[in-house]
């Protein structure tokens, strides 16, 4: 049994190191987004087996998202980046998002008979 425990501990250490690298890489991208947009806020949402979505909204209204392999990694990434994190994407936080013609065409325009982005 001792041999099995040592192997399991080695696997756990490798998984923890991999998760740490993933969180650091995401944090670097979040920080870059924040610098480009004069600051940023975010929200982490569980998206099932894919992991978690990190929605970012810049102070200038620009927005984007990243996908992390798990909620734990996403939460560690936003913590490392130092941005404000919201529980939900609603209210004043959602109102900061600025959309343009591209978003309207892709999100609502197609359903409402607007021009296609073909």
Protein backbone atom coordinates (compact mmCIF):
# COMPACT_ATOMS: atom_id res chain seq x y z
CA UNK A 1 0.00 0.00 0.00
CA UNK A 2 2.84 2.40 0.67
CA UNK A 3 3.89 2.27 -2.99
CA UNK A 4 0.36 3.12 -4.15
CA UNK A 5 0.16 6.06 -1.75
CA UNK A 6 3.45 7.49 -3.04
CA UNK A 7 2.25 7.20 -6.65
CA UNK A 8 -1.06 8.89 -5.77
CA UNK A 9 0.77 11.71 -4.00
CA UNK A 10 2.97 12.19 -7.07
CA UNK A 11 -0.11 12.41 -9.31
CA UNK A 12 -1.79 14.88 -6.92
CA UNK A 13 1.33 17.06 -6.88
CA UNK A 14 1.46 17.04 -10.70
CA UNK A 15 -2.23 17.94 -10.93
CA UNK A 16 -1.79 20.76 -8.40
CA UNK A 17 1.19 22.14 -10.33
CA UNK A 18 -0.75 21.94 -13.60
CA UNK A 19 -3.70 23.78 -12.02
CA UNK A 20 -1.38 26.45 -10.63
CA UNK A 21 0.17 27.00 -14.08
CA UNK A 22 -3.30 27.25 -15.67
CA UNK A 23 -4.41 29.81 -13.06
CA UNK A 24 -1.23 31.85 -13.55
CA UNK A 25 -1.69 31.86 -17.34
CA UNK A 26 -5.31 32.99 -17.01
CA UNK A 27 -4.35 35.65 -14.45
CA UNK A 28 -1.78 37.02 -16.89
CA UNK A 29 -4.46 37.30 -19.61
CA UNK A 30 -6.93 38.92 -17.17
CA UNK A 31 -4.29 41.44 -16.11
CA UNK A 32 -3.50 42.26 -19.74
CA UNK A 33 -7.22 42.81 -20.45
CA UNK A 34 -7.50 45.03 -17.39
CA UNK A 35 -4.52 47.17 -18.47
CA UNK A 36 -5.87 47.49 -22.01
CA UNK A 37 -9.31 48.62 -20.80
CA UNK A 38 -8.40 50.93 -17.92
CA UNK A 39 -9.29 48.38 -15.25
CA UNK A 40 -11.68 45.45 -15.18
CA UNK A 41 -14.26 43.58 -13.17
CA UNK A 42 -15.32 39.98 -13.61
CA UNK A 43 -17.72 37.18 -12.84
CA UNK A 44 -17.08 33.43 -12.71
CA UNK A 45 -19.83 31.09 -13.93
CA UNK A 46 -19.85 27.29 -13.89
CA UNK A 47 -20.46 25.93 -17.40
CA UNK A 48 -20.57 22.20 -16.74
CA UNK A 49 -17.91 19.70 -17.73
CA UNK A 50 -16.07 22.39 -19.73
CA UNK A 51 -15.23 24.20 -16.49
CA UNK A 52 -15.94 27.84 -15.73
CA UNK A 53 -16.38 31.00 -17.76
CA UNK A 54 -14.68 34.19 -16.59
CA UNK A 55 -16.59 37.18 -17.97
CA UNK A 56 -14.53 40.39 -17.98
CA UNK A 57 -15.85 43.93 -18.33
CA UNK A 58 -13.39 46.79 -18.73
CA UNK A 59 -13.84 50.29 -17.35
CA UNK A 60 -14.24 51.48 -20.95
CA UNK A 61 -17.16 49.08 -21.53
CA UNK A 62 -15.11 46.58 -23.51
CA UNK A 63 -15.77 42.98 -22.61
CA UNK A 64 -14.50 39.49 -23.18
CA UNK A 65 -14.39 36.08 -21.61
CA UNK A 66 -12.05 33.22 -20.86
CA UNK A 67 -12.75 29.57 -20.10
CA UNK A 68 -10.97 27.85 -17.24
CA UNK A 69 -10.86 24.06 -16.81
CA UNK A 70 -12.55 24.32 -13.39
CA UNK A 71 -14.22 26.81 -11.06
CA UNK A 72 -11.33 26.49 -8.61
CA UNK A 73 -8.80 27.47 -11.29
CA UNK A 74 -11.01 30.35 -12.46
CA UNK A 75 -11.41 31.66 -8.92
CA UNK A 76 -7.66 31.41 -8.28
CA UNK A 77 -6.96 33.26 -11.55
CA UNK A 78 -9.25 36.20 -10.75
CA UNK A 79 -7.82 36.33 -7.23
CA UNK A 80 -4.25 36.46 -8.61
CA UNK A 81 -5.20 39.20 -11.08
CA UNK A 82 -6.66 41.38 -8.34
CA UNK A 83 -9.85 42.38 -10.19
CA UNK A 84 -13.21 42.90 -8.48
CA UNK A 85 -15.35 39.78 -8.81
CA UNK A 86 -19.17 39.86 -8.84
CA UNK A 87 -21.47 37.03 -7.77
CA UNK A 88 -23.79 37.52 -10.75
CA UNK A 89 -23.74 39.21 -14.13
CA UNK A 90 -26.54 41.68 -13.54
CA UNK A 91 -27.41 45.18 -12.37
CA UNK A 92 -24.76 47.87 -12.50
CA UNK A 93 -22.08 45.39 -13.52
CA UNK A 94 -23.96 44.23 -16.64
CA UNK A 95 -24.88 47.83 -17.49
CA UNK A 96 -21.16 48.65 -17.93
CA UNK A 97 -20.96 46.50 -21.08
CA UNK A 98 -20.93 48.51 -24.30
CA UNK A 99 -22.06 46.67 -27.41
CA UNK A 100 -21.64 47.68 -31.01
CA UNK A 101 -23.15 46.75 -34.36
CA UNK A 102 -21.31 43.43 -34.47
CA UNK A 103 -22.83 42.22 -31.20
CA UNK A 104 -26.33 43.37 -32.13
CA UNK A 105 -26.11 41.60 -35.46
CA UNK A 106 -24.81 38.38 -33.92
CA UNK A 107 -27.00 38.31 -30.80
CA UNK A 108 -30.30 39.86 -31.82
CA UNK A 109 -30.12 40.91 -35.44
CA UNK A 110 -30.26 37.40 -36.85
CA UNK A 111 -33.36 36.46 -34.81
CA UNK A 112 -35.08 39.77 -35.59
CA UNK A 113 -34.41 39.60 -39.30
CA UNK A 114 -31.43 41.94 -39.22
CA UNK A 115 -28.44 41.70 -41.52
CA UNK A 116 -26.42 38.53 -41.34
CA UNK A 117 -22.70 38.46 -40.67
CA UNK A 118 -22.02 36.06 -43.49
